[in-house]
Amino acid sequence: RGARSNQSGRFEAYQREAFDDGWGAVAKTGSEGDLPLPDRLATVVLK
């Protein structure tokens, strides 16, 4: 993927900022939890 981030669009009522609370490494190893922090981002096709 080319972009390095995924900030909300300028028309959204709320701006969201991702925050790493330390669970990312755990999710990637699979030892605990199942958080959506993928190495790859699947393409979704909408109509």
ModelCIF file with pLDDT and N, C-alpha, C, O atoms, coordinates in Angstrom:
data_MODEL
#
_entry.id   MODEL 
#
_entity.id                         1 
_entity.type                       polymer 
_entity.pdbx_number_of_molecules   1 
#
_entity_poly.entity_id                      1 
_entity_poly.type                           'polypeptide(L)' 
_entity_poly.nstd_linkage                   no 
_entity_poly.nstd_monomer                   no 
_entity_poly.pdbx_seq_one_letter_code       RGARSNQSGRFEAYQREAFDDGWGAVAKTGSEGDLPLPDRLATVVLK 
_entity_poly.pdbx_seq_one_letter_code_can   RGARSNQSGRFEAYQREAFDDGWGAVAKTGSEGDLPLPDRLATVVLK 
_entity_poly.pdbx_strand_id                 A 
#
loop_
_entity_poly_seq.entity_id 
_entity_poly_seq.num 
_entity_poly_seq.mon_id 
_entity_poly_seq.hetero 
1 1  ARG n 
1 2  GLY n 
1 3  ALA n 
1 4  ARG n 
1 5  SER n 
1 6  ASN n 
1 7  GLN n 
1 8  SER n 
1 9  GLY n 
1 10 ARG n 
1 11 PHE n 
1 12 GLU n 
1 13 ALA n 
1 14 TYR n 
1 15 GLN n 
1 16 ARG n 
1 17 GLU n 
1 18 ALA n 
1 19 PHE n 
1 20 ASP n 
1 21 ASP n 
1 22 GLY n 
1 23 TRP n 
1 24 GLY n 
1 25 ALA n 
1 26 VAL n 
1 27 ALA n 
1 28 LYS n 
1 29 THR n 
1 30 GLY n 
1 31 SER n 
1 32 GLU n 
1 33 GLY n 
1 34 ASP n 
1 35 LEU n 
1 36 PRO n 
1 37 LEU n 
1 38 PRO n 
1 39 ASP n 
1 40 ARG n 
1 41 LEU n 
1 42 ALA n 
1 43 THR n 
1 44 VAL n 
1 45 VAL n 
1 46 LEU n 
1 47 LYS n 
#
_struct_asym.id          A 
_struct_asym.entity_id   1 
#
loop_
_ma_qa_metric.id 
_ma_qa_metric.mode 
_ma_qa_metric.name 
_ma_qa_metric.software_group_id 
_ma_qa_metric.type 
1 global pLDDT . pLDDT 
2 local  pLDDT . pLDDT 
#
_ma_qa_metric_global.metric_id      1 
_ma_qa_metric_global.metric_value   60.32 
_ma_qa_metric_global.model_id       1 
_ma_qa_metric_global.ordinal_id     1 
#
loop_
_ma_qa_metric_local.label_asym_id 
_ma_qa_metric_local.label_comp_id 
_ma_qa_metric_local.label_seq_id 
_ma_qa_metric_local.metric_id 
_ma_qa_metric_local.metric_value 
_ma_qa_metric_local.model_id 
_ma_qa_metric_local.ordinal_id 
A ARG 1  2 88.00 1 1  
A GLY 2  2 80.00 1 2  
A ALA 3  2 84.00 1 3  
A ARG 4  2 82.00 1 4  
A SER 5  2 84.00 1 5  
A ASN 6  2 84.00 1 6  
A GLN 7  2 77.00 1 7  
A SER 8  2 67.00 1 8  
A GLY 9  2 64.00 1 9  
A ARG 10 2 64.00 1 10 
A PHE 11 2 57.00 1 11 
A GLU 12 2 62.00 1 12 
A ALA 13 2 55.00 1 13 
A TYR 14 2 53.00 1 14 
A GLN 15 2 55.00 1 15 
A ARG 16 2 55.00 1 16 
A GLU 17 2 57.00 1 17 
A ALA 18 2 53.00 1 18 
A PHE 19 2 48.00 1 19 
A ASP 20 2 50.00 1 20 
A ASP 21 2 45.00 1 21 
A GLY 22 2 50.00 1 22 
A TRP 23 2 44.00 1 23 
A GLY 24 2 46.00 1 24 
A ALA 25 2 43.00 1 25 
A VAL 26 2 41.00 1 26 
A ALA 27 2 41.00 1 27 
A LYS 28 2 43.00 1 28 
A THR 29 2 39.00 1 29 
A GLY 30 2 38.00 1 30 
A SER 31 2 36.00 1 31 
A GLU 32 2 36.00 1 32 
A GLY 33 2 35.00 1 33 
A ASP 34 2 36.00 1 34 
A LEU 35 2 37.00 1 35 
A PRO 36 2 43.00 1 36 
A LEU 37 2 41.00 1 37 
A PRO 38 2 49.00 1 38 
A ASP 39 2 58.00 1 39 
A ARG 40 2 71.00 1 40 
A LEU 41 2 82.00 1 41 
A ALA 42 2 89.00 1 42 
A THR 43 2 93.00 1 43 
A VAL 44 2 95.00 1 44 
A VAL 45 2 96.00 1 45 
A LEU 46 2 95.00 1 46 
A LYS 47 2 94.00 1 47 
#
loop_
_atom_site.group_PDB 
_atom_site.id 
_atom_site.type_symbol 
_atom_site.label_atom_id 
_atom_site.label_alt_id 
_atom_site.label_comp_id 
_atom_site.label_asym_id 
_atom_site.label_entity_id 
_atom_site.label_seq_id 
_atom_site.pdbx_PDB_ins_code 
_atom_site.Cartn_x 
_atom_site.Cartn_y 
_atom_site.Cartn_z 
_atom_site.occupancy 
_atom_site.B_iso_or_equiv 
_atom_site.pdbx_formal_charge 
_atom_site.auth_seq_id 
_atom_site.auth_comp_id 
_atom_site.auth_asym_id 
_atom_site.auth_atom_id 
_atom_site.pdbx_PDB_model_num 
ATOM 1   N N  . ARG A 1 1  ? 0.840   -1.192  0.000  1.00 88.00 ? 1  ARG A N  1 
ATOM 2   C CA . ARG A 1 1  ? 0.000   0.000   0.000  1.00 88.00 ? 1  ARG A CA 1 
ATOM 3   C C  . ARG A 1 1  ? 0.873   1.239   0.000  1.00 88.00 ? 1  ARG A C  1 
ATOM 4   O O  . ARG A 1 1  ? 2.002   1.215   0.491  1.00 88.00 ? 1  ARG A O  1 
ATOM 5   N N  . GLY A 1 2  ? 0.339   2.337   -0.560 1.00 80.00 ? 2  GLY A N  1 
ATOM 6   C CA . GLY A 1 2  ? 1.134   3.544   -0.705 1.00 80.00 ? 2  GLY A CA 1 
ATOM 7   C C  . GLY A 1 2  ? 1.026   4.498   0.468  1.00 80.00 ? 2  GLY A C  1 
ATOM 8   O O  . GLY A 1 2  ? 2.047   4.959   0.978  1.00 80.00 ? 2  GLY A O  1 
ATOM 9   N N  . ALA A 1 3  ? -0.202  4.808   0.913  1.00 84.00 ? 3  ALA A N  1 
ATOM 10  C CA . ALA A 1 3  ? -0.396  5.745   2.024  1.00 84.00 ? 3  ALA A CA 1 
ATOM 11  C C  . ALA A 1 3  ? 0.123   5.122   3.310  1.00 84.00 ? 3  ALA A C  1 
ATOM 12  O O  . ALA A 1 3  ? 0.133   3.902   3.472  1.00 84.00 ? 3  ALA A O  1 
ATOM 13  N N  . ARG A 1 4  ? 0.547   5.978   4.207  1.00 82.00 ? 4  ARG A N  1 
ATOM 14  C CA . ARG A 1 4  ? 1.082   5.492   5.484  1.00 82.00 ? 4  ARG A CA 1 
ATOM 15  C C  . ARG A 1 4  ? 0.083   5.617   6.620  1.00 82.00 ? 4  ARG A C  1 
ATOM 16  O O  . ARG A 1 4  ? 0.360   5.171   7.733  1.00 82.00 ? 4  ARG A O  1 
ATOM 17  N N  . SER A 1 5  ? -1.083  6.219   6.362  1.00 84.00 ? 5  SER A N  1 
ATOM 18  C CA . SER A 1 5  ? -2.079  6.419   7.414  1.00 84.00 ? 5  SER A CA 1 
ATOM 19  C C  . SER A 1 5  ? -3.476  6.373   6.817  1.00 84.00 ? 5  SER A C  1 
ATOM 20  O O  . SER A 1 5  ? -3.645  6.230   5.606  1.00 84.00 ? 5  SER A O  1 
ATOM 21  N N  . ASN A 1 6  ? -4.473  6.495   7.681  1.00 84.00 ? 6  ASN A N  1 
ATOM 22  C CA . ASN A 1 6  ? -5.860  6.359   7.232  1.00 84.00 ? 6  ASN A CA 1 
ATOM 23  C C  . ASN A 1 6  ? -6.782  7.291   8.011  1.00 84.00 ? 6  ASN A C  1 
ATOM 24  O O  . ASN A 1 6  ? -7.806  6.866   8.545  1.00 84.00 ? 6  ASN A O  1 
ATOM 25  N N  . GLN A 1 7  ? -6.407  8.561   8.067  1.00 77.00 ? 7  GLN A N  1 
ATOM 26  C CA . GLN A 1 7  ? -7.195  9.527   8.812  1.00 77.00 ? 7  GLN A CA 1 
ATOM 27  C C  . GLN A 1 7  ? -8.576  9.717   8.208  1.00 77.00 ? 7  GLN A C  1 
ATOM 28  O O  . GLN A 1 7  ? -8.765  9.521   7.008  1.00 77.00 ? 7  GLN A O  1 
ATOM 29  N N  . SER A 1 8  ? -9.544  10.099  9.040  1.00 67.00 ? 8  SER A N  1 
ATOM 30  C CA . SER A 1 8  ? -10.909 10.344  8.577  1.00 67.00 ? 8  SER A CA 1 
ATOM 31  C C  . SER A 1 8  ? -10.917 11.452  7.532  1.00 67.00 ? 8  SER A C  1 
ATOM 32  O O  . SER A 1 8  ? -10.042 12.317  7.519  1.00 67.00 ? 8  SER A O  1 
ATOM 33  N N  . GLY A 1 9  ? -11.918 11.413  6.654  1.00 64.00 ? 9  GLY A N  1 
ATOM 34  C CA . GLY A 1 9  ? -12.047 12.429  5.618  1.00 64.00 ? 9  GLY A CA 1 
ATOM 35  C C  . GLY A 1 9  ? -12.458 13.771  6.188  1.00 64.00 ? 9  GLY A C  1 
ATOM 36  O O  . GLY A 1 9  ? -12.941 13.855  7.317  1.00 64.00 ? 9  GLY A O  1 
ATOM 37  N N  . ARG A 1 10 ? -12.262 14.825  5.401  1.00 64.00 ? 10 ARG A N  1 
ATOM 38  C CA . ARG A 1 10 ? -12.497 16.182  5.883  1.00 64.00 ? 10 ARG A CA 1 
ATOM 39  C C  . ARG A 1 10 ? -13.967 16.504  6.110  1.00 64.00 ? 10 ARG A C  1 
ATOM 40  O O  . ARG A 1 10 ? -14.278 17.521  6.730  1.00 64.00 ? 10 ARG A O  1 
ATOM 41  N N  . PHE A 1 11 ? -14.880 15.665  5.624  1.00 57.00 ? 11 PHE A N  1 
ATOM 42  C CA . PHE A 1 11 ? -16.304 15.932  5.792  1.00 57.00 ? 11 PHE A CA 1 
ATOM 43  C C  . PHE A 1 11 ? -16.893 15.215  7.001  1.00 57.00 ? 11 PHE A C  1 
ATOM 44  O O  . PHE A 1 11 ? -18.076 15.380  7.297  1.00 57.00 ? 11 PHE A O  1 
ATOM 45  N N  . GLU A 1 12 ? -16.090 14.427  7.698  1.00 62.00 ? 12 GLU A N  1 
ATOM 46  C CA . GLU A 1 12 ? -16.616 13.670  8.830  1.00 62.00 ? 12 GLU A CA 1 
ATOM 47  C C  . GLU A 1 12 ? -16.810 14.562  10.052 1.00 62.00 ? 12 GLU A C  1 
ATOM 48  O O  . GLU A 1 12 ? -16.049 15.503  10.278 1.00 62.00 ? 12 GLU A O  1 
ATOM 49  N N  . ALA A 1 13 ? -17.838 14.254  10.834 1.00 55.00 ? 13 ALA A N  1 
ATOM 50  C CA . ALA A 1 13 ? -18.150 15.052  12.024 1.00 55.00 ? 13 ALA A CA 1 
ATOM 51  C C  . ALA A 1 13 ? -17.083 14.883  13.097 1.00 55.00 ? 13 ALA A C  1 
ATOM 52  O O  . ALA A 1 13 ? -16.835 15.799  13.881 1.00 55.00 ? 13 ALA A O  1 
ATOM 53  N N  . TYR A 1 14 ? -16.445 13.699  13.132 1.00 53.00 ? 14 TYR A N  1 
ATOM 54  C CA . TYR A 1 14 ? -15.424 13.419  14.137 1.00 53.00 ? 14 TYR A CA 1 
ATOM 55  C C  . TYR A 1 14 ? -14.143 12.977  13.441 1.00 53.00 ? 14 TYR A C  1 
ATOM 56  O O  . TYR A 1 14 ? -14.171 12.227  12.465 1.00 53.00 ? 14 TYR A O  1 
ATOM 57  N N  . GLN A 1 15 ? -13.029 13.457  13.962 1.00 55.00 ? 15 GLN A N  1 
ATOM 58  C CA . GLN A 1 15 ? -11.725 13.024  13.481 1.00 55.00 ? 15 GLN A CA 1 
ATOM 59  C C  . GLN A 1 15 ? -11.176 11.985  14.446 1.00 55.00 ? 15 GLN A C  1 
ATOM 60  O O  . GLN A 1 15 ? -11.143 12.214  15.655 1.00 55.00 ? 15 GLN A O  1 
ATOM 61  N N  . ARG A 1 16 ? -10.745 10.840  13.915 1.00 55.00 ? 16 ARG A N  1 
ATOM 62  C CA . ARG A 1 16 ? -10.245 9.755   14.758 1.00 55.00 ? 16 ARG A CA 1 
ATOM 63  C C  . ARG A 1 16 ? -8.743  9.609   14.574 1.00 55.00 ? 16 ARG A C  1 
ATOM 64  O O  . ARG A 1 16 ? -8.226  9.690   13.460 1.00 55.00 ? 16 ARG A O  1 
ATOM 65  N N  . GLU A 1 17 ? -8.073  9.398   15.657 1.00 57.00 ? 17 GLU A N  1 
ATOM 66  C CA . GLU A 1 17 ? -6.619  9.233   15.611 1.00 57.00 ? 17 GLU A CA 1 
ATOM 67  C C  . GLU A 1 17 ? -6.270  7.915   16.261 1.00 57.00 ? 17 GLU A C  1 
ATOM 68  O O  . GLU A 1 17 ? -6.637  7.669   17.410 1.00 57.00 ? 17 GLU A O  1 
ATOM 69  N N  . ALA A 1 18 ? -5.548  7.047   15.519 1.00 53.00 ? 18 ALA A N  1 
ATOM 70  C CA . ALA A 1 18 ? -5.176  5.742   16.057 1.00 53.00 ? 18 ALA A CA 1 
ATOM 71  C C  . ALA A 1 18 ? -4.153  5.903   17.170 1.00 53.00 ? 18 ALA A C  1 
ATOM 72  O O  . ALA A 1 18 ? -3.316  6.805   17.126 1.00 53.00 ? 18 ALA A O  1 
ATOM 73  N N  . PHE A 1 19 ? -4.219  5.033   18.163 1.00 48.00 ? 19 PHE A N  1 
ATOM 74  C CA . PHE A 1 19 ? -3.298  5.082   19.292 1.00 48.00 ? 19 PHE A CA 1 
ATOM 75  C C  . PHE A 1 19 ? -2.834  3.675   19.612 1.00 48.00 ? 19 PHE A C  1 
ATOM 76  O O  . PHE A 1 19 ? -3.653  2.772   19.781 1.00 48.00 ? 19 PHE A O  1 
ATOM 77  N N  . ASP A 1 20 ? -1.540  3.483   19.697 1.00 50.00 ? 20 ASP A N  1 
ATOM 78  C CA . ASP A 1 20 ? -0.971  2.177   20.001 1.00 50.00 ? 20 ASP A CA 1 
ATOM 79  C C  . ASP A 1 20 ? -0.841  2.043   21.512 1.00 50.00 ? 20 ASP A C  1 
ATOM 80  O O  . ASP A 1 20 ? -0.011  2.707   22.134 1.00 50.00 ? 20 ASP A O  1 
ATOM 81  N N  . ASP A 1 21 ? -1.684  1.161   22.109 1.00 45.00 ? 21 ASP A N  1 
ATOM 82  C CA . ASP A 1 21 ? -1.648  0.983   23.565 1.00 45.00 ? 21 ASP A CA 1 
ATOM 83  C C  . ASP A 1 21 ? -0.783  -0.187  23.992 1.00 45.00 ? 21 ASP A C  1 
ATOM 84  O O  . ASP A 1 21 ? -0.802  -0.602  25.151 1.00 45.00 ? 21 ASP A O  1 
ATOM 85  N N  . GLY A 1 22 ? -0.010  -0.722  23.027 1.00 50.00 ? 22 GLY A N  1 
ATOM 86  C CA . GLY A 1 22 ? 0.893   -1.806  23.367 1.00 50.00 ? 22 GLY A CA 1 
ATOM 87  C C  . GLY A 1 22 ? 0.380   -3.184  23.026 1.00 50.00 ? 22 GLY A C  1 
ATOM 88  O O  . GLY A 1 22 ? 1.119   -4.163  23.126 1.00 50.00 ? 22 GLY A O  1 
ATOM 89  N N  . TRP A 1 23 ? -0.892  -3.278  22.618 1.00 44.00 ? 23 TRP A N  1 
ATOM 90  C CA . TRP A 1 23 ? -1.450  -4.578  22.297 1.00 44.00 ? 23 TRP A CA 1 
ATOM 91  C C  . TRP A 1 23 ? -1.136  -5.025  20.876 1.00 44.00 ? 23 TRP A C  1 
ATOM 92  O O  . TRP A 1 23 ? -1.392  -6.176  20.521 1.00 44.00 ? 23 TRP A O  1 
ATOM 93  N N  . GLY A 1 24 ? -0.592  -4.144  20.068 1.00 46.00 ? 24 GLY A N  1 
ATOM 94  C CA . GLY A 1 24 ? -0.344  -4.490  18.674 1.00 46.00 ? 24 GLY A CA 1 
ATOM 95  C C  . GLY A 1 24 ? 0.573   -5.683  18.510 1.00 46.00 ? 24 GLY A C  1 
ATOM 96  O O  . GLY A 1 24 ? 0.272   -6.603  17.749 1.00 46.00 ? 24 GLY A O  1 
ATOM 97  N N  . ALA A 1 25 ? 1.694   -5.672  19.221 1.00 43.00 ? 25 ALA A N  1 
ATOM 98  C CA . ALA A 1 25 ? 2.648   -6.773  19.104 1.00 43.00 ? 25 ALA A CA 1 
ATOM 99  C C  . ALA A 1 25 ? 2.024   -8.084  19.550 1.00 43.00 ? 25 ALA A C  1 
ATOM 100 O O  . ALA A 1 25 ? 2.298   -9.136  18.972 1.00 43.00 ? 25 ALA A O  1 
ATOM 101 N N  . VAL A 1 26 ? 1.166   -8.023  20.601 1.00 41.00 ? 26 VAL A N  1 
ATOM 102 C CA . VAL A 1 26 ? 0.511   -9.235  21.087 1.00 41.00 ? 26 VAL A CA 1 
ATOM 103 C C  . VAL A 1 26 ? -0.416  -9.799  20.028 1.00 41.00 ? 26 VAL A C  1 
ATOM 104 O O  . VAL A 1 26 ? -0.445  -11.005 19.783 1.00 41.00 ? 26 VAL A O  1 
ATOM 105 N N  . ALA A 1 27 ? -1.181  -8.899  19.398 1.00 41.00 ? 27 ALA A N  1 
ATOM 106 C CA . ALA A 1 27 ? -2.131  -9.349  18.372 1.00 41.00 ? 27 ALA A CA 1 
ATOM 107 C C  . ALA A 1 27 ? -1.422  -9.997  17.201 1.00 41.00 ? 27 ALA A C  1 
ATOM 108 O O  . ALA A 1 27 ? -1.919  -10.967 16.628 1.00 41.00 ? 27 ALA A O  1 
ATOM 109 N N  . LYS A 1 28 ? -0.258  -9.465  16.841 1.00 43.00 ? 28 LYS A N  1 
ATOM 110 C CA . LYS A 1 28 ? 0.458   -10.006 15.692 1.00 43.00 ? 28 LYS A CA 1 
ATOM 111 C C  . LYS A 1 28 ? 1.053   -11.375 15.985 1.00 43.00 ? 28 LYS A C  1 
ATOM 112 O O  . LYS A 1 28 ? 1.159   -12.211 15.088 1.00 43.00 ? 28 LYS A O  1 
ATOM 113 N N  . THR A 1 29 ? 1.447   -11.612 17.251 1.00 39.00 ? 29 THR A N  1 
ATOM 114 C CA . THR A 1 29 ? 2.003   -12.915 17.589 1.00 39.00 ? 29 THR A CA 1 
ATOM 115 C C  . THR A 1 29 ? 0.909   -13.950 17.799 1.00 39.00 ? 29 THR A C  1 
ATOM 116 O O  . THR A 1 29 ? 1.165   -15.153 17.756 1.00 39.00 ? 29 THR A O  1 
ATOM 117 N N  . GLY A 1 30 ? -0.338  -13.466 18.030 1.00 38.00 ? 30 GLY A N  1 
ATOM 118 C CA . GLY A 1 30 ? -1.449  -14.386 18.224 1.00 38.00 ? 30 GLY A CA 1 
ATOM 119 C C  . GLY A 1 30 ? -1.513  -14.959 19.621 1.00 38.00 ? 30 GLY A C  1 
ATOM 120 O O  . GLY A 1 30 ? -2.313  -15.861 19.873 1.00 38.00 ? 30 GLY A O  1 
ATOM 121 N N  . SER A 1 31 ? -0.684  -14.459 20.554 1.00 36.00 ? 31 SER A N  1 
ATOM 122 C CA . SER A 1 31 ? -0.668  -15.016 21.902 1.00 36.00 ? 31 SER A CA 1 
ATOM 123 C C  . SER A 1 31 ? -1.863  -14.576 22.727 1.00 36.00 ? 31 SER A C  1 
ATOM 124 O O  . SER A 1 31 ? -2.254  -15.267 23.667 1.00 36.00 ? 31 SER A O  1 
ATOM 125 N N  . GLU A 1 32 ? -2.444  -13.444 22.391 1.00 36.00 ? 32 GLU A N  1 
ATOM 126 C CA . GLU A 1 32 ? -3.604  -12.968 23.126 1.00 36.00 ? 32 GLU A CA 1 
ATOM 127 C C  . GLU A 1 32 ? -4.398  -12.019 22.249 1.00 36.00 ? 32 GLU A C  1 
ATOM 128 O O  . GLU A 1 32 ? -3.812  -11.217 21.523 1.00 36.00 ? 32 GLU A O  1 
ATOM 129 N N  . GLY A 1 33 ? -5.722  -12.094 22.302 1.00 35.00 ? 33 GLY A N  1 
ATOM 130 C CA . GLY A 1 33 ? -6.544  -11.122 21.582 1.00 35.00 ? 33 GLY A CA 1 
ATOM 131 C C  . GLY A 1 33 ? -6.566  -11.381 20.077 1.00 35.00 ? 33 GLY A C  1 
ATOM 132 O O  . GLY A 1 33 ? -5.922  -12.295 19.562 1.00 35.00 ? 33 GLY A O  1 
ATOM 133 N N  . ASP A 1 34 ? -7.325  -10.545 19.411 1.00 36.00 ? 34 ASP A N  1 
ATOM 134 C CA . ASP A 1 34 ? -7.449  -10.658 17.960 1.00 36.00 ? 34 ASP A CA 1 
ATOM 135 C C  . ASP A 1 34 ? -7.719  -9.271  17.389 1.00 36.00 ? 34 ASP A C  1 
ATOM 136 O O  . ASP A 1 34 ? -8.795  -9.033  16.839 1.00 36.00 ? 34 ASP A O  1 
ATOM 137 N N  . LEU A 1 35 ? -6.782  -8.370  17.507 1.00 37.00 ? 35 LEU A N  1 
ATOM 138 C CA . LEU A 1 35 ? -6.983  -6.994  17.109 1.00 37.00 ? 35 LEU A CA 1 
ATOM 139 C C  . LEU A 1 35 ? -6.712  -6.801  15.624 1.00 37.00 ? 35 LEU A C  1 
ATOM 140 O O  . LEU A 1 35 ? -5.865  -7.493  15.059 1.00 37.00 ? 35 LEU A O  1 
ATOM 141 N N  . PRO A 1 36 ? -7.424  -5.864  14.976 1.00 43.00 ? 36 PRO A N  1 
ATOM 142 C CA . PRO A 1 36 ? -7.283  -5.673  13.522 1.00 43.00 ? 36 PRO A CA 1 
ATOM 143 C C  . PRO A 1 36 ? -6.071  -4.842  13.145 1.00 43.00 ? 36 PRO A C  1 
ATOM 144 O O  . PRO A 1 36 ? -6.193  -3.693  12.719 1.00 43.00 ? 36 PRO A O  1 
ATOM 145 N N  . LEU A 1 37 ? -4.892  -5.443  13.308 1.00 41.00 ? 37 LEU A N  1 
ATOM 146 C CA . LEU A 1 37 ? -3.661  -4.734  12.964 1.00 41.00 ? 37 LEU A CA 1 
ATOM 147 C C  . LEU A 1 37 ? -2.897  -5.565  11.930 1.00 41.00 ? 37 LEU A C  1 
ATOM 148 O O  . LEU A 1 37 ? -1.873  -6.165  12.255 1.00 41.00 ? 37 LEU A O  1 
ATOM 149 N N  . PRO A 1 38 ? -3.389  -5.604  10.685 1.00 49.00 ? 38 PRO A N  1 
ATOM 150 C CA . PRO A 1 38 ? -2.834  -6.523  9.696  1.00 49.00 ? 38 PRO A CA 1 
ATOM 151 C C  . PRO A 1 38 ? -1.533  -6.037  9.084  1.00 49.00 ? 38 PRO A C  1 
ATOM 152 O O  . PRO A 1 38 ? -1.286  -4.835  8.988  1.00 49.00 ? 38 PRO A O  1 
ATOM 153 N N  . ASP A 1 39 ? -0.699  -6.998  8.669  1.00 58.00 ? 39 ASP A N  1 
ATOM 154 C CA . ASP A 1 39 ? 0.454   -6.659  7.843  1.00 58.00 ? 39 ASP A CA 1 
ATOM 155 C C  . ASP A 1 39 ? -0.007  -6.365  6.424  1.00 58.00 ? 39 ASP A C  1 
ATOM 156 O O  . ASP A 1 39 ? 0.648   -5.616  5.698  1.00 58.00 ? 39 ASP A O  1 
ATOM 157 N N  . ARG A 1 40 ? -1.125  -6.948  6.027  1.00 71.00 ? 40 ARG A N  1 
ATOM 158 C CA . ARG A 1 40 ? -1.692  -6.725  4.702  1.00 71.00 ? 40 ARG A CA 1 
ATOM 159 C C  . ARG A 1 40 ? -3.137  -6.255  4.865  1.00 71.00 ? 40 ARG A C  1 
ATOM 160 O O  . ARG A 1 40 ? -3.832  -6.650  5.801  1.00 71.00 ? 40 ARG A O  1 
ATOM 161 N N  . LEU A 1 41 ? -3.562  -5.426  3.956  1.00 82.00 ? 41 LEU A N  1 
ATOM 162 C CA . LEU A 1 41 ? -4.901  -4.865  4.001  1.00 82.00 ? 41 LEU A CA 1 
ATOM 163 C C  . LEU A 1 41 ? -5.654  -5.360  2.774  1.00 82.00 ? 41 LEU A C  1 
ATOM 164 O O  . LEU A 1 41 ? -5.302  -5.007  1.648  1.00 82.00 ? 41 LEU A O  1 
ATOM 165 N N  . ALA A 1 42 ? -6.679  -6.169  2.976  1.00 89.00 ? 42 ALA A N  1 
ATOM 166 C CA . ALA A 1 42 ? -7.420  -6.744  1.864  1.00 89.00 ? 42 ALA A CA 1 
ATOM 167 C C  . ALA A 1 42 ? -8.232  -5.669  1.144  1.00 89.00 ? 42 ALA A C  1 
ATOM 168 O O  . ALA A 1 42 ? -8.694  -4.705  1.754  1.00 89.00 ? 42 ALA A O  1 
ATOM 169 N N  . THR A 1 43 ? -8.394  -5.853  -0.149 1.00 93.00 ? 43 THR A N  1 
ATOM 170 C CA . THR A 1 43 ? -9.223  -4.944  -0.946 1.00 93.00 ? 43 THR A CA 1 
ATOM 171 C C  . THR A 1 43 ? -10.689 -5.346  -0.816 1.00 93.00 ? 43 THR A C  1 
ATOM 172 O O  . THR A 1 43 ? -11.034 -6.521  -0.937 1.00 93.00 ? 43 THR A O  1 
ATOM 173 N N  . VAL A 1 44 ? -11.535 -4.371  -0.572 1.00 95.00 ? 44 VAL A N  1 
ATOM 174 C CA . VAL A 1 44 ? -12.982 -4.580  -0.491 1.00 95.00 ? 44 VAL A CA 1 
ATOM 175 C C  . VAL A 1 44 ? -13.617 -3.842  -1.667 1.00 95.00 ? 44 VAL A C  1 
ATOM 176 O O  . VAL A 1 44 ? -13.350 -2.657  -1.864 1.00 95.00 ? 44 VAL A O  1 
ATOM 177 N N  . VAL A 1 45 ? -14.455 -4.528  -2.453 1.00 96.00 ? 45 VAL A N  1 
ATOM 178 C CA . VAL A 1 45 ? -15.128 -3.917  -3.595 1.00 96.00 ? 45 VAL A CA 1 
ATOM 179 C C  . VAL A 1 45 ? -16.588 -3.663  -3.247 1.00 96.00 ? 45 VAL A C  1 
ATOM 180 O O  . VAL A 1 45 ? -17.312 -4.582  -2.864 1.00 96.00 ? 45 VAL A O  1 
ATOM 181 N N  . LEU A 1 46 ? -17.012 -2.422  -3.382 1.00 95.00 ? 46 LEU A N  1 
ATOM 182 C CA . LEU A 1 46 ? -18.378 -2.013  -3.088 1.00 95.00 ? 46 LEU A CA 1 
ATOM 183 C C  . LEU A 1 46 ? -19.065 -1.576  -4.374 1.00 95.00 ? 46 LEU A C  1 
ATOM 184 O O  . LEU A 1 46 ? -18.401 -1.179  -5.331 1.00 95.00 ? 46 LEU A O  1 
ATOM 185 N N  . LYS A 1 47 ? -20.377 -1.647  -4.399 1.00 94.00 ? 47 LYS A N  1 
ATOM 186 C CA . LYS A 1 47 ? -21.121 -1.255  -5.593 1.00 94.00 ? 47 LYS A CA 1 
ATOM 187 C C  . LYS A 1 47 ? -21.386 0.239   -5.592 1.00 94.00 ? 47 LYS A C  1 
ATOM 188 O O  . LYS A 1 47 ? -22.004 0.757   -6.522 1.00 94.00 ? 47 LYS A O  1 
#
